[in-house]
Amino acid sequence: MIQPGTLDAQVKVLRKREAEVRPARLDPDYAFTFHRGAKPATNSLDFRQFWHRPDIAAPEPFAYVRQMDEEKVSFGFEDVSRGEKSRRVKGVFASVAGKYDLMNDLMSAGVHRIWKANMIAWLNPQPGETLIDVAGGTGDVARAFQKRASEVARRRNVTAGTMTFVSDINEAMLLAGIKPDDYDMPRLACDAAALPFPDRSADAVTISFGIRNVVEIDKALSEFRRVLKPGGRFACLEFSHMTHSVLQQAYDQYSFNVIPALGGLVTGDKDSYKYLVESIRRFPNQDAFAERIRAAGLGQVNFWNYSGGIAALHTGWAV
């Protein structure tokens, strides 16, 4: 937990450099403890490895921090190498980044905002907590987490700095989401399966509509477990499978015929939304995905279907 106090110097640096997003650097020589005064905060994070510093040379854009093998993984209805999926996914979201939030509103008639609000309600953000929002793109979940924690702080009349980290492998998505009033919201271009955070450093980890795009899903789930503090909570909101075959048939008709056409009209990129529809069909069903979360070491795993299974919220605890 980030301890209360004055963060003026560090926050000023963040605000000046918020528009600059660099790939996370894992060099321990650059690690420093985010602290208040002369003493480091208890259970504090080592932030310098991913701070927005102009003197840290950035590697190749979107560079992975790990070498990937050539085992085949799904990219929509295709089976491709891991490296090929990584390149294609980056291309998809680089193409649609500027209209991503608008398309989400159009595709779901705004209902995705209710789904995310339900996720935030389950997380129950508290003042002073640290959130890592993976595949956080435009930062809407991180902002909602901060807002809820700030409301609790005002009711309790306490001061505690809530920190939300927005990570995404796609730099274009991170840049598209920056707003002038984003405070205590560093952005990291990094792989979900190799997060540049210390063990047991986060109170909550979230990922919304992003896990199916991750190349190594099981490694990513293990990473989420690694960075959570004991008692920390995990929430994954993702498009899923309908609870009734008749509903699934109707949803398929809408998805394959309407969504790509709408994507082409709004973003000029029909193929990217065709991939997004296909990737949902290749994603494990609710029960199968819950088992994979348990296999990663998270406990008390549960899920809730939204809108008949169009989306599902999976949750778990670091126990």
Protein backbone atom coordinates (compact mmCIF):
# COMPACT_ATOMS: atom_id res chain seq x y z
CA MET A 1 0.00 0.00 0.00
CA ILE A 2 1.26 3.50 -0.81
CA GLN A 3 1.59 5.40 2.47
CA PRO A 4 -0.03 8.82 2.93
CA GLY A 5 2.10 11.91 2.64
CA THR A 6 3.49 14.32 0.08
CA LEU A 7 4.33 13.13 -3.42
CA ASP A 8 4.79 16.53 -5.01
CA ALA A 9 8.15 15.98 -6.65
CA GLN A 10 7.35 12.57 -8.09
CA VAL A 11 3.84 13.50 -9.18
CA LYS A 12 5.11 16.65 -10.94
CA VAL A 13 7.53 14.51 -12.89
CA LEU A 14 4.71 12.13 -13.82
CA ARG A 15 2.42 14.91 -14.95
CA LYS A 16 5.09 16.48 -17.15
CA ARG A 17 5.93 13.17 -18.77
CA GLU A 18 2.51 11.57 -18.91
CA ALA A 19 2.38 11.95 -22.69
CA GLU A 20 5.55 9.91 -23.08
CA VAL A 21 5.10 6.15 -22.85
CA ARG A 22 8.12 3.88 -22.97
CA PRO A 23 8.49 0.11 -22.88
CA ALA A 24 9.11 -1.16 -19.38
CA ARG A 25 12.75 -1.77 -18.48
CA LEU A 26 13.55 -4.65 -16.20
CA ASP A 27 17.11 -3.63 -15.33
CA PRO A 28 17.41 -3.82 -11.50
CA ASP A 29 20.10 -1.13 -11.58
CA TYR A 30 17.33 1.36 -12.30
CA ALA A 31 15.13 0.28 -9.40
CA PHE A 32 14.25 2.75 -6.69
CA THR A 33 11.74 2.76 -3.88
CA PHE A 34 8.83 5.15 -4.13
CA HIS A 35 8.85 6.71 -0.70
CA ARG A 36 7.79 9.66 1.37
CA GLY A 37 10.46 11.56 3.18
CA ALA A 38 13.65 9.74 4.07
CA LYS A 39 12.21 6.30 4.75
CA PRO A 40 10.82 3.90 2.15
CA ALA A 41 7.17 2.97 2.46
CA THR A 42 6.29 -0.47 3.77
CA ASN A 43 5.53 -2.93 0.97
CA SER A 44 6.38 -0.18 -1.50
CA LEU A 45 6.91 -0.75 -5.19
CA ASP A 46 10.20 -0.39 -7.03
CA PHE A 47 9.04 2.12 -9.61
CA ARG A 48 12.11 3.35 -11.41
CA GLN A 49 12.23 0.34 -13.69
CA PHE A 50 9.15 1.61 -15.48
CA TRP A 51 9.12 5.33 -14.68
CA HIS A 52 8.72 7.77 -17.59
CA ARG A 53 12.39 8.83 -17.71
CA PRO A 54 13.77 10.50 -20.85
CA ASP A 55 17.30 9.28 -20.07
CA ILE A 56 16.33 5.59 -20.25
CA ALA A 57 16.85 4.36 -23.77
CA ALA A 58 13.80 2.55 -25.07
CA PRO A 59 14.26 -0.77 -26.87
CA GLU A 60 12.61 -1.58 -30.17
CA PRO A 61 8.94 -0.42 -30.06
CA PHE A 62 6.66 -3.06 -28.59
CA ALA A 63 9.66 -5.32 -27.97
CA TYR A 64 8.91 -8.39 -25.90
CA VAL A 65 11.04 -8.93 -22.82
CA ARG A 66 11.09 -12.69 -23.53
CA GLN A 67 11.97 -14.86 -26.48
CA MET A 68 8.94 -16.71 -27.80
CA ASP A 69 9.00 -20.14 -29.28
CA GLU A 70 7.09 -21.16 -32.39
CA GLU A 71 4.29 -23.19 -30.80
CA LYS A 72 1.04 -22.43 -32.59
CA VAL A 73 -1.61 -20.29 -30.93
CA SER A 74 -4.94 -18.96 -32.17
CA PHE A 75 -5.35 -15.68 -33.98
CA GLY A 76 -9.06 -15.59 -34.68
CA PHE A 77 -9.83 -18.74 -36.65
CA GLU A 78 -6.19 -19.11 -37.74
CA ASP A 79 -3.40 -20.96 -35.93
CA VAL A 80 -0.19 -18.96 -36.08
CA SER A 81 3.16 -18.83 -34.33
CA ARG A 82 3.44 -16.94 -31.07
CA GLY A 83 5.53 -14.23 -32.65
CA GLU A 84 3.06 -13.84 -35.51
CA LYS A 85 0.14 -13.47 -33.11
CA SER A 86 2.06 -10.84 -31.17
CA ARG A 87 2.71 -8.84 -34.33
CA ARG A 88 -0.85 -9.14 -35.59
CA VAL A 89 -2.50 -8.23 -32.29
CA LYS A 90 -0.34 -5.12 -32.09
CA GLY A 91 -1.38 -4.22 -35.60
CA VAL A 92 -5.06 -4.68 -34.80
CA PHE A 93 -5.06 -2.35 -31.83
CA ALA A 94 -2.71 0.20 -33.38
CA SER A 95 -5.25 0.46 -36.18
CA VAL A 96 -8.33 0.96 -34.01
CA ALA A 97 -6.84 2.77 -30.98
CA GLY A 98 -8.27 6.18 -31.80
CA LYS A 99 -11.87 4.90 -32.03
CA TYR A 100 -11.62 2.03 -29.54
CA ASP A 101 -13.91 3.47 -26.84
CA LEU A 102 -16.42 4.69 -29.42
CA MET A 103 -16.59 1.24 -31.01
CA ASN A 104 -17.11 -0.39 -27.62
CA ASP A 105 -20.06 1.91 -27.01
CA LEU A 106 -21.54 1.21 -30.44
CA MET A 107 -21.04 -2.58 -30.33
CA SER A 108 -22.55 -2.99 -26.86
CA ALA A 109 -25.00 -0.06 -26.90
CA GLY A 110 -23.04 1.26 -23.93
CA VAL A 111 -23.67 -1.84 -21.81
CA HIS A 112 -19.91 -2.50 -21.44
CA ARG A 113 -19.86 0.46 -19.05
CA ILE A 114 -22.35 -1.33 -16.77
CA TRP A 115 -20.26 -4.50 -16.90
CA LYS A 116 -17.16 -2.54 -15.89
CA ALA A 117 -19.06 -0.75 -13.12
CA ASN A 118 -20.05 -4.15 -11.73
CA MET A 119 -16.40 -5.22 -11.81
CA ILE A 120 -15.35 -2.10 -9.91
CA ALA A 121 -18.12 -2.70 -7.36
CA TRP A 122 -16.80 -6.24 -6.76
CA LEU A 123 -13.23 -4.95 -6.37
CA ASN A 124 -14.39 -2.44 -3.73
CA PRO A 125 -11.41 -0.05 -4.14
CA GLN A 126 -9.97 1.38 -0.93
CA PRO A 127 -7.86 4.50 -0.32
CA GLY A 128 -4.14 3.91 -0.67
CA GLU A 129 -4.41 0.72 -2.71
CA THR A 130 -2.35 -0.14 -5.77
CA LEU A 131 -4.05 -1.43 -8.92
CA ILE A 132 -2.39 -2.94 -11.98
CA ASP A 133 -4.78 -2.77 -14.92
CA VAL A 134 -3.39 -5.10 -17.59
CA ALA A 135 -4.28 -4.47 -21.25
CA GLY A 136 -5.66 -1.27 -19.77
CA GLY A 137 -5.48 0.64 -23.04
CA THR A 138 -7.44 3.86 -22.67
CA GLY A 139 -7.41 3.77 -18.85
CA ASP A 140 -11.16 3.77 -18.15
CA VAL A 141 -10.95 0.99 -15.56
CA ALA A 142 -8.02 2.64 -13.76
CA ARG A 143 -9.90 5.93 -13.59
CA ALA A 144 -13.01 4.22 -12.22
CA PHE A 145 -10.89 2.47 -9.57
CA GLN A 146 -9.33 5.78 -8.51
CA LYS A 147 -12.69 7.53 -8.43
CA ARG A 148 -14.25 4.89 -6.20
CA ALA A 149 -11.25 4.89 -3.83
CA SER A 150 -11.37 8.71 -3.65
CA GLU A 151 -15.07 8.63 -2.76
CA VAL A 152 -14.33 6.25 0.11
CA ALA A 153 -11.47 8.48 1.29
CA ARG A 154 -13.75 11.54 1.35
CA ARG A 155 -16.40 9.70 3.37
CA ARG A 156 -13.78 8.59 5.88
CA ASN A 157 -12.00 11.94 5.82
CA VAL A 158 -8.64 10.27 5.19
CA THR A 159 -5.75 11.05 2.87
CA ALA A 160 -4.16 8.16 1.03
CA GLY A 161 -2.66 8.11 -2.45
CA THR A 162 -4.23 5.42 -4.63
CA MET A 163 -1.92 4.38 -7.47
CA THR A 164 -3.19 2.79 -10.66
CA PHE A 165 -0.83 1.41 -13.28
CA VAL A 166 -2.09 1.01 -16.83
CA SER A 167 -0.15 -1.61 -18.76
CA ASP A 168 -0.65 -2.59 -22.37
CA ILE A 169 1.58 -4.21 -24.96
CA ASN A 170 0.27 -1.73 -27.52
CA GLU A 171 1.81 1.71 -27.21
CA ALA A 172 -0.79 3.27 -29.50
CA MET A 173 -3.58 2.26 -27.11
CA LEU A 174 -1.75 3.79 -24.15
CA LEU A 175 -1.16 7.04 -25.99
CA ALA A 176 -4.76 7.21 -27.21
CA GLY A 177 -6.05 7.02 -23.64
CA ILE A 178 -4.03 9.81 -22.05
CA LYS A 179 -6.09 12.63 -20.52
CA PRO A 180 -4.79 15.89 -19.00
CA ASP A 181 -6.24 15.13 -15.55
CA ASP A 182 -4.72 11.65 -15.23
CA TYR A 183 -2.74 11.67 -11.98
CA ASP A 184 -0.97 8.78 -10.26
CA MET A 185 -1.58 6.72 -13.39
CA PRO A 186 1.75 5.66 -14.94
CA ARG A 187 1.53 3.79 -18.24
CA LEU A 188 3.72 0.85 -19.17
CA ALA A 189 4.20 -0.77 -22.55
CA CYS A 190 4.82 -4.38 -21.54
CA ASP A 191 3.76 -7.99 -22.05
CA ALA A 192 1.01 -9.31 -19.76
CA ALA A 193 3.03 -12.52 -19.31
CA ALA A 194 6.12 -10.66 -18.04
CA LEU A 195 4.98 -7.80 -15.83
CA PRO A 196 7.76 -5.51 -14.54
CA PHE A 197 6.46 -5.41 -10.97
CA PRO A 198 7.89 -6.92 -7.77
CA ASP A 199 6.27 -9.92 -6.14
CA ARG A 200 3.32 -9.13 -3.87
CA SER A 201 3.14 -5.48 -4.88
CA ALA A 202 -0.49 -4.96 -5.93
CA ASP A 203 -3.77 -4.99 -4.04
CA ALA A 204 -5.72 -5.67 -7.23
CA VAL A 205 -5.06 -6.80 -10.80
CA THR A 206 -7.64 -6.33 -13.54
CA ILE A 207 -7.86 -7.11 -17.24
CA SER A 208 -10.89 -6.16 -19.35
CA PHE A 209 -11.52 -7.54 -22.82
CA GLY A 210 -7.82 -8.26 -23.22
CA ILE A 211 -7.01 -11.74 -21.96
CA ARG A 212 -8.06 -13.45 -25.19
CA ASN A 213 -5.52 -11.32 -27.08
CA VAL A 214 -2.63 -12.41 -24.83
CA VAL A 215 -0.24 -14.83 -26.53
CA GLU A 216 0.56 -16.85 -23.39
CA ILE A 217 -2.59 -16.75 -21.30
CA ASP A 218 -1.53 -19.23 -18.60
CA LYS A 219 1.79 -17.45 -18.03
CA ALA A 220 -0.09 -14.16 -17.76
CA LEU A 221 -2.45 -15.61 -15.16
CA SER A 222 0.56 -16.82 -13.17
CA GLU A 223 2.05 -13.33 -13.39
CA PHE A 224 -1.15 -11.83 -12.03
CA ARG A 225 -0.93 -14.21 -9.08
CA ARG A 226 2.74 -13.37 -8.54
CA VAL A 227 2.27 -9.60 -8.28
CA LEU A 228 -0.77 -9.78 -5.99
CA LYS A 229 -0.31 -9.27 -2.28
CA PRO A 230 -1.75 -11.92 0.05
CA GLY A 231 -5.46 -11.23 0.08
CA GLY A 232 -5.24 -9.32 -3.19
CA ARG A 233 -8.02 -9.75 -5.71
CA PHE A 234 -8.10 -10.48 -9.41
CA ALA A 235 -10.91 -9.56 -11.81
CA CYS A 236 -11.13 -10.46 -15.49
CA LEU A 237 -13.94 -9.14 -17.66
CA GLU A 238 -14.08 -10.80 -21.08
CA PHE A 239 -16.45 -11.60 -23.90
CA SER A 240 -17.59 -15.17 -23.45
CA HIS A 241 -20.15 -17.76 -24.56
CA MET A 242 -23.92 -17.47 -24.44
CA THR A 243 -25.78 -19.57 -21.91
CA HIS A 244 -28.32 -20.91 -24.45
CA SER A 245 -27.76 -22.21 -27.98
CA VAL A 246 -30.59 -20.12 -29.46
CA LEU A 247 -29.06 -16.97 -27.99
CA GLN A 248 -25.66 -18.02 -29.30
CA GLN A 249 -27.00 -18.38 -32.85
CA ALA A 250 -28.58 -14.93 -32.75
CA TYR A 251 -25.41 -13.44 -31.27
CA ASP A 252 -23.29 -15.10 -33.96
CA GLN A 253 -25.43 -13.55 -36.67
CA TYR A 254 -24.99 -10.12 -35.12
CA SER A 255 -21.29 -10.55 -34.43
CA PHE A 256 -20.17 -11.82 -37.81
CA ASN A 257 -22.42 -9.60 -39.92
CA VAL A 258 -22.78 -6.35 -38.02
CA ILE A 259 -19.62 -5.81 -35.96
CA PRO A 260 -17.01 -6.05 -38.79
CA ALA A 261 -19.16 -3.84 -41.02
CA LEU A 262 -19.55 -1.31 -38.20
CA GLY A 263 -15.83 -1.42 -37.53
CA GLY A 264 -15.10 -0.76 -41.18
CA LEU A 265 -17.49 2.20 -41.21
CA VAL A 266 -16.20 3.81 -38.00
CA THR A 267 -12.49 2.97 -38.05
CA GLY A 268 -11.88 2.04 -41.66
CA ASP A 269 -10.63 -1.38 -40.54
CA LYS A 270 -13.16 -4.16 -41.06
CA ASP A 271 -10.58 -6.97 -40.76
CA SER A 272 -9.53 -6.02 -37.23
CA TYR A 273 -13.09 -6.37 -35.97
CA LYS A 274 -13.48 -9.62 -37.86
CA TYR A 275 -10.50 -10.90 -35.85
CA LEU A 276 -12.03 -9.66 -32.59
CA VAL A 277 -15.26 -11.57 -33.28
CA GLU A 278 -13.34 -14.74 -34.20
CA SER A 279 -11.11 -14.49 -31.12
CA ILE A 280 -14.19 -14.57 -28.87
CA ARG A 281 -15.30 -17.87 -30.44
CA ARG A 282 -11.88 -19.43 -29.84
CA PHE A 283 -11.74 -18.34 -26.20
CA PRO A 284 -12.44 -21.01 -23.52
CA ASN A 285 -15.93 -21.15 -22.07
CA GLN A 286 -16.63 -19.87 -18.59
CA ASP A 287 -15.97 -23.10 -16.69
CA ALA A 288 -12.81 -23.93 -18.62
CA PHE A 289 -11.36 -20.46 -18.07
CA ALA A 290 -12.18 -20.63 -14.35
CA GLU A 291 -10.13 -23.84 -14.15
CA ARG A 292 -7.17 -22.11 -15.77
CA ILE A 293 -7.36 -19.32 -13.20
CA ARG A 294 -7.31 -21.92 -10.41
CA ALA A 295 -4.36 -23.65 -12.04
CA ALA A 296 -2.45 -20.35 -11.87
CA GLY A 297 -2.73 -20.45 -8.07
CA LEU A 298 -5.66 -18.15 -7.39
CA GLY A 299 -8.32 -19.23 -4.94
CA GLN A 300 -12.06 -18.72 -4.41
CA VAL A 301 -12.51 -18.47 -8.18
CA ASN A 302 -15.97 -17.52 -9.35
CA PHE A 303 -17.69 -16.04 -12.38
CA TRP A 304 -20.86 -14.18 -13.31
CA ASN A 305 -22.47 -14.06 -16.74
CA TYR A 306 -23.58 -10.72 -18.09
CA SER A 307 -26.23 -10.23 -20.78
CA GLY A 308 -26.82 -13.94 -21.20
CA GLY A 309 -23.12 -14.76 -21.46
CA ILE A 310 -22.05 -12.12 -23.96
CA ALA A 311 -19.52 -11.22 -21.29
CA ALA A 312 -18.40 -12.87 -18.07
CA LEU A 313 -16.64 -11.54 -15.00
CA HIS A 314 -14.16 -14.02 -13.51
CA THR A 315 -12.74 -13.28 -10.07
CA GLY A 316 -10.19 -14.80 -7.74
CA TRP A 317 -8.14 -14.12 -4.63
CA ALA A 318 -4.47 -14.46 -3.76
CA VAL A 319 -4.84 -16.84 -0.82
